[in-house]
Amino acid sequence: MARGGRRTFRMELKGAKELEAALLELPKRVRKAAIRRALLKAAAPIAADAKGRVRVRQGDLQRRIQVATTLSRRQRRSRGAGVQKGVVEVFLGAGPSREAHLVEFGTGQRRHKDGSSTGAARAFPFMRPAWEAGKMRALEEFGRMLWLEIEAAAKRVAARALRAAKQ
């Protein structure tokens, strides 16, 4: 579990020696960009599913669900330590939103100092069901998209080398 009781999900693509070998043939910068693009494309269906699971009354929340390579300032502050060097991360969830966690997990009974109560809010999960329904498909899609990205990146690197050789 991550700091603060939040869960982090880690996906590893195992048994793909050919994929790894093809990636290692690319320059590091190009390799990371290819991985990032493949992750963004693979996570998009989960984000679309999560948007469909948000109750209509939370329309603003629905609009904020995204797949991104960076976090908002507020999200970075609550996350703590930075990213490890050489790691490619993509974030899937509600962007800068104050109510996303309240909708996803609900709240307990809330009381004011004067003793009055505002009641509890029921949980209406949207991210966890979308993740559970799509994580395996996303992993398969990531592998497929990564092959396509590697092929496209290799063509770009070869074309760039050809242009440099002509000059």
C-alpha atoms as a PDB file:
ATOM      1  CA  MET A   1       0.000   0.000   0.000  1.00  0.00           C
ATOM      2  CA  ALA A   2       1.169   3.492  -0.738  1.00  0.00           C
ATOM      3  CA  ARG A   3       1.598   6.253   1.809  1.00  0.00           C
ATOM      4  CA  GLY A   4      -1.627   7.522   3.355  1.00  0.00           C
ATOM      5  CA  GLY A   5      -3.554   4.268   2.890  1.00  0.00           C
ATOM      6  CA  ARG A   6      -3.933   4.714  -0.876  1.00  0.00           C
ATOM      7  CA  ARG A   7      -3.435   1.716  -3.068  1.00  0.00           C
ATOM      8  CA  THR A   8      -1.126   1.703  -6.017  1.00  0.00           C
ATOM      9  CA  PHE A   9      -1.484  -0.729  -8.856  1.00  0.00           C
ATOM     10  CA  ARG A  10       1.517  -2.095 -10.629  1.00  0.00           C
ATOM     11  CA  MET A  11       1.293  -3.907 -13.922  1.00  0.00           C
ATOM     12  CA  GLU A  12       4.182  -5.914 -15.268  1.00  0.00           C
ATOM     13  CA  LEU A  13       4.336  -7.399 -18.723  1.00  0.00           C
ATOM     14  CA  LYS A  14       6.196 -10.675 -18.196  1.00  0.00           C
ATOM     15  CA  GLY A  15       7.393 -13.195 -20.735  1.00  0.00           C
ATOM     16  CA  ALA A  16       7.928 -10.661 -23.471  1.00  0.00           C
ATOM     17  CA  LYS A  17      11.636 -11.121 -24.188  1.00  0.00           C
ATOM     18  CA  GLU A  18      11.208 -10.110 -27.838  1.00  0.00           C
ATOM     19  CA  LEU A  19       9.405  -6.958 -26.796  1.00  0.00           C
ATOM     20  CA  GLU A  20      12.152  -6.061 -24.359  1.00  0.00           C
ATOM     21  CA  ALA A  21      14.863  -6.743 -26.944  1.00  0.00           C
ATOM     22  CA  ALA A  22      13.109  -4.556 -29.500  1.00  0.00           C
ATOM     23  CA  LEU A  23      12.734  -1.763 -26.940  1.00  0.00           C
ATOM     24  CA  LEU A  24      16.419  -1.903 -26.014  1.00  0.00           C
ATOM     25  CA  GLU A  25      17.369  -1.304 -29.644  1.00  0.00           C
ATOM     26  CA  LEU A  26      15.707   2.114 -29.505  1.00  0.00           C
ATOM     27  CA  PRO A  27      17.377   5.184 -28.012  1.00  0.00           C
ATOM     28  CA  LYS A  28      16.361   5.740 -24.381  1.00  0.00           C
ATOM     29  CA  ARG A  29      14.328   8.899 -25.042  1.00  0.00           C
ATOM     30  CA  VAL A  30      12.449   7.266 -27.921  1.00  0.00           C
ATOM     31  CA  ARG A  31      11.907   4.108 -25.852  1.00  0.00           C
ATOM     32  CA  LYS A  32      10.297   6.011 -22.980  1.00  0.00           C
ATOM     33  CA  ALA A  33       8.063   7.978 -25.351  1.00  0.00           C
ATOM     34  CA  ALA A  34       6.884   4.761 -27.040  1.00  0.00           C
ATOM     35  CA  ILE A  35       6.067   3.173 -23.678  1.00  0.00           C
ATOM     36  CA  ARG A  36       4.241   6.315 -22.546  1.00  0.00           C
ATOM     37  CA  ARG A  37       2.110   6.465 -25.726  1.00  0.00           C
ATOM     38  CA  ALA A  38       1.236   2.773 -25.453  1.00  0.00           C
ATOM     39  CA  LEU A  39       0.230   3.182 -21.793  1.00  0.00           C
ATOM     40  CA  LEU A  40      -1.952   6.196 -22.614  1.00  0.00           C
ATOM     41  CA  LYS A  41      -3.756   4.286 -25.363  1.00  0.00           C
ATOM     42  CA  ALA A  42      -4.192   1.149 -23.246  1.00  0.00           C
ATOM     43  CA  ALA A  43      -5.655   3.069 -20.287  1.00  0.00           C
ATOM     44  CA  ALA A  44      -8.144   5.101 -22.352  1.00  0.00           C
ATOM     45  CA  PRO A  45     -10.898   2.418 -22.337  1.00  0.00           C
ATOM     46  CA  ILE A  46     -10.760   2.199 -18.536  1.00  0.00           C
ATOM     47  CA  ALA A  47     -11.174   5.979 -18.281  1.00  0.00           C
ATOM     48  CA  ALA A  48     -14.136   5.841 -20.683  1.00  0.00           C
ATOM     49  CA  ASP A  49     -15.721   3.062 -18.612  1.00  0.00           C
ATOM     50  CA  ALA A  50     -15.201   5.056 -15.396  1.00  0.00           C
ATOM     51  CA  LYS A  51     -16.836   8.107 -16.990  1.00  0.00           C
ATOM     52  CA  GLY A  52     -19.843   5.960 -17.818  1.00  0.00           C
ATOM     53  CA  ARG A  53     -20.077   4.741 -14.220  1.00  0.00           C
ATOM     54  CA  VAL A  54     -20.185   8.208 -12.618  1.00  0.00           C
ATOM     55  CA  ARG A  55     -23.658   9.265 -11.576  1.00  0.00           C
ATOM     56  CA  VAL A  56     -25.024  11.995 -13.816  1.00  0.00           C
ATOM     57  CA  ARG A  57     -25.362  14.409 -10.873  1.00  0.00           C
ATOM     58  CA  GLN A  58     -21.567  14.466 -10.686  1.00  0.00           C
ATOM     59  CA  GLY A  59     -21.166  15.780 -14.250  1.00  0.00           C
ATOM     60  CA  ASP A  60     -18.117  17.857 -13.339  1.00  0.00           C
ATOM     61  CA  LEU A  61     -16.461  14.760 -11.904  1.00  0.00           C
ATOM     62  CA  GLN A  62     -17.265  12.843 -15.069  1.00  0.00           C
ATOM     63  CA  ARG A  63     -15.473  15.479 -17.135  1.00  0.00           C
ATOM     64  CA  ARG A  64     -12.368  15.318 -14.931  1.00  0.00           C
ATOM     65  CA  ILE A  65     -11.666  11.608 -15.346  1.00  0.00           C
ATOM     66  CA  GLN A  66      -8.576  11.345 -17.487  1.00  0.00           C
ATOM     67  CA  VAL A  67      -5.418   9.487 -18.373  1.00  0.00           C
ATOM     68  CA  ALA A  68      -2.419  11.762 -17.899  1.00  0.00           C
ATOM     69  CA  THR A  69       1.341  11.687 -17.651  1.00  0.00           C
ATOM     70  CA  THR A  70       1.477  14.348 -14.955  1.00  0.00           C
ATOM     71  CA  LEU A  71      -0.409  15.106 -11.780  1.00  0.00           C
ATOM     72  CA  SER A  72      -1.857  18.436 -10.697  1.00  0.00           C
ATOM     73  CA  ARG A  73       0.068  20.419  -8.083  1.00  0.00           C
ATOM     74  CA  ARG A  74      -2.381  19.312  -5.394  1.00  0.00           C
ATOM     75  CA  GLN A  75      -2.071  15.642  -6.379  1.00  0.00           C
ATOM     76  CA  ARG A  76       1.739  15.828  -6.434  1.00  0.00           C
ATOM     77  CA  ARG A  77       1.739  17.381  -2.979  1.00  0.00           C
ATOM     78  CA  SER A  78      -0.377  14.595  -1.509  1.00  0.00           C
ATOM     79  CA  ARG A  79       1.597  11.877  -3.304  1.00  0.00           C
ATOM     80  CA  GLY A  80       4.871  12.544  -1.544  1.00  0.00           C
ATOM     81  CA  ALA A  81       8.158  11.404  -3.049  1.00  0.00           C
ATOM     82  CA  GLY A  82       8.855  11.805  -6.740  1.00  0.00           C
ATOM     83  CA  VAL A  83       9.104   9.247  -9.493  1.00  0.00           C
ATOM     84  CA  GLN A  84      12.103   6.970  -9.676  1.00  0.00           C
ATOM     85  CA  LYS A  85      14.554   7.710 -12.456  1.00  0.00           C
ATOM     86  CA  GLY A  86      13.885   5.708 -15.608  1.00  0.00           C
ATOM     87  CA  VAL A  87      10.304   4.820 -14.650  1.00  0.00           C
ATOM     88  CA  VAL A  88       7.435   5.604 -17.011  1.00  0.00           C
ATOM     89  CA  GLU A  89       4.164   6.358 -15.225  1.00  0.00           C
ATOM     90  CA  VAL A  90       0.685   7.142 -16.429  1.00  0.00           C
ATOM     91  CA  PHE A  91      -2.035   8.296 -14.042  1.00  0.00           C
ATOM     92  CA  LEU A  92      -5.637   7.222 -14.480  1.00  0.00           C
ATOM     93  CA  GLY A  93      -8.419   8.800 -12.483  1.00  0.00           C
ATOM     94  CA  ALA A  94     -10.163  12.019 -11.617  1.00  0.00           C
ATOM     95  CA  GLY A  95      -7.903  14.984 -12.246  1.00  0.00           C
ATOM     96  CA  PRO A  96      -7.812  17.817  -9.726  1.00  0.00           C
ATOM     97  CA  SER A  97     -11.100  17.105  -7.991  1.00  0.00           C
ATOM     98  CA  ARG A  98     -12.169  17.699  -4.408  1.00  0.00           C
ATOM     99  CA  GLU A  99     -15.118  15.344  -4.475  1.00  0.00           C
ATOM    100  CA  ALA A 100     -13.807  12.292  -6.378  1.00  0.00           C
ATOM    101  CA  HIS A 101     -12.709  10.333  -3.314  1.00  0.00           C
ATOM    102  CA  LEU A 102     -15.921  11.222  -1.482  1.00  0.00           C
ATOM    103  CA  VAL A 103     -18.019   9.821  -4.321  1.00  0.00           C
ATOM    104  CA  GLU A 104     -15.818   6.740  -4.777  1.00  0.00           C
ATOM    105  CA  PHE A 105     -15.556   5.766  -1.100  1.00  0.00           C
ATOM    106  CA  GLY A 106     -18.407   7.657   0.589  1.00  0.00           C
ATOM    107  CA  THR A 107     -18.142   9.249   4.027  1.00  0.00           C
ATOM    108  CA  GLY A 108     -18.945   8.327   7.579  1.00  0.00           C
ATOM    109  CA  GLN A 109     -21.253  10.221   9.869  1.00  0.00           C
ATOM    110  CA  ARG A 110     -20.081  13.843  10.066  1.00  0.00           C
ATOM    111  CA  ARG A 111     -20.759  15.995  13.108  1.00  0.00           C
ATOM    112  CA  HIS A 112     -20.325  19.712  13.689  1.00  0.00           C
ATOM    113  CA  LYS A 113     -18.882  21.247  16.856  1.00  0.00           C
ATOM    114  CA  ASP A 114     -22.380  22.159  18.000  1.00  0.00           C
ATOM    115  CA  GLY A 115     -23.402  18.483  17.899  1.00  0.00           C
ATOM    116  CA  SER A 116     -25.559  18.658  14.783  1.00  0.00           C
ATOM    117  CA  SER A 117     -25.016  16.080  12.061  1.00  0.00           C
ATOM    118  CA  THR A 118     -24.749  16.408   8.303  1.00  0.00           C
ATOM    119  CA  GLY A 119     -25.218  12.670   7.809  1.00  0.00           C
ATOM    120  CA  ALA A 120     -23.192  10.221   5.804  1.00  0.00           C
ATOM    121  CA  ALA A 121     -22.678  10.031   2.061  1.00  0.00           C
ATOM    122  CA  ARG A 122     -23.094   6.644   0.417  1.00  0.00           C
ATOM    123  CA  ALA A 123     -20.253   5.388  -1.764  1.00  0.00           C
ATOM    124  CA  PHE A 124     -20.821   5.308  -5.528  1.00  0.00           C
ATOM    125  CA  PRO A 125     -17.652   3.656  -6.823  1.00  0.00           C
ATOM    126  CA  PHE A 126     -16.726   4.370 -10.417  1.00  0.00           C
ATOM    127  CA  MET A 127     -12.931   3.920 -10.699  1.00  0.00           C
ATOM    128  CA  ARG A 128     -12.491   0.592  -8.918  1.00  0.00           C
ATOM    129  CA  PRO A 129     -15.209  -1.233 -10.909  1.00  0.00           C
ATOM    130  CA  ALA A 130     -13.857   0.226 -14.146  1.00  0.00           C
ATOM    131  CA  TRP A 131     -10.316  -0.860 -13.202  1.00  0.00           C
ATOM    132  CA  GLU A 132     -11.389  -4.359 -12.191  1.00  0.00           C
ATOM    133  CA  ALA A 133     -13.389  -4.802 -15.386  1.00  0.00           C
ATOM    134  CA  GLY A 134     -10.667  -3.544 -17.721  1.00  0.00           C
ATOM    135  CA  LYS A 135      -7.245  -4.211 -16.213  1.00  0.00           C
ATOM    136  CA  MET A 136      -6.531  -7.484 -18.030  1.00  0.00           C
ATOM    137  CA  ARG A 137      -7.776  -6.132 -21.342  1.00  0.00           C
ATOM    138  CA  ALA A 138      -5.599  -3.057 -20.773  1.00  0.00           C
ATOM    139  CA  LEU A 139      -2.544  -5.239 -20.217  1.00  0.00           C
ATOM    140  CA  GLU A 140      -3.187  -7.119 -23.462  1.00  0.00           C
ATOM    141  CA  GLU A 141      -3.824  -3.845 -25.288  1.00  0.00           C
ATOM    142  CA  PHE A 142      -0.636  -2.382 -23.846  1.00  0.00           C
ATOM    143  CA  GLY A 143       1.420  -5.223 -25.299  1.00  0.00           C
ATOM    144  CA  ARG A 144      -0.219  -4.823 -28.701  1.00  0.00           C
ATOM    145  CA  MET A 145       0.093  -1.035 -28.702  1.00  0.00           C
ATOM    146  CA  LEU A 146       3.711  -1.224 -27.578  1.00  0.00           C
ATOM    147  CA  TRP A 147       4.616  -3.363 -30.592  1.00  0.00           C
ATOM    148  CA  LEU A 148       2.973  -0.805 -32.874  1.00  0.00           C
ATOM    149  CA  GLU A 149       4.770   2.051 -31.131  1.00  0.00           C
ATOM    150  CA  ILE A 150       8.130   0.257 -31.360  1.00  0.00           C
ATOM    151  CA  GLU A 151       7.662  -0.306 -35.094  1.00  0.00           C
ATOM    152  CA  ALA A 152       6.680   3.319 -35.676  1.00  0.00           C
ATOM    153  CA  ALA A 153       9.556   4.604 -33.531  1.00  0.00           C
ATOM    154  CA  ALA A 154      12.059   2.367 -35.338  1.00  0.00           C
ATOM    155  CA  LYS A 155      10.880   3.782 -38.690  1.00  0.00           C
ATOM    156  CA  ARG A 156      11.264   7.339 -37.375  1.00  0.00           C
ATOM    157  CA  VAL A 157      14.769   6.643 -36.017  1.00  0.00           C
ATOM    158  CA  ALA A 158      15.823   5.037 -39.326  1.00  0.00           C
ATOM    159  CA  ALA A 159      14.426   7.964 -41.334  1.00  0.00           C
ATOM    160  CA  ARG A 160      16.201  10.435 -39.053  1.00  0.00           C
ATOM    161  CA  ALA A 161      19.487   8.541 -39.461  1.00  0.00           C
ATOM    162  CA  LEU A 162      19.029   8.504 -43.257  1.00  0.00           C
ATOM    163  CA  ARG A 163      18.431  12.275 -43.324  1.00  0.00           C
ATOM    164  CA  ALA A 164      21.522  12.828 -41.153  1.00  0.00           C
ATOM    165  CA  ALA A 165      23.622  10.627 -43.464  1.00  0.00           C
ATOM    166  CA  LYS A 166      22.522  12.619 -46.528  1.00  0.00           C
ATOM    167  CA  GLN A 167      23.650  15.903 -44.971  1.00  0.00           C
END
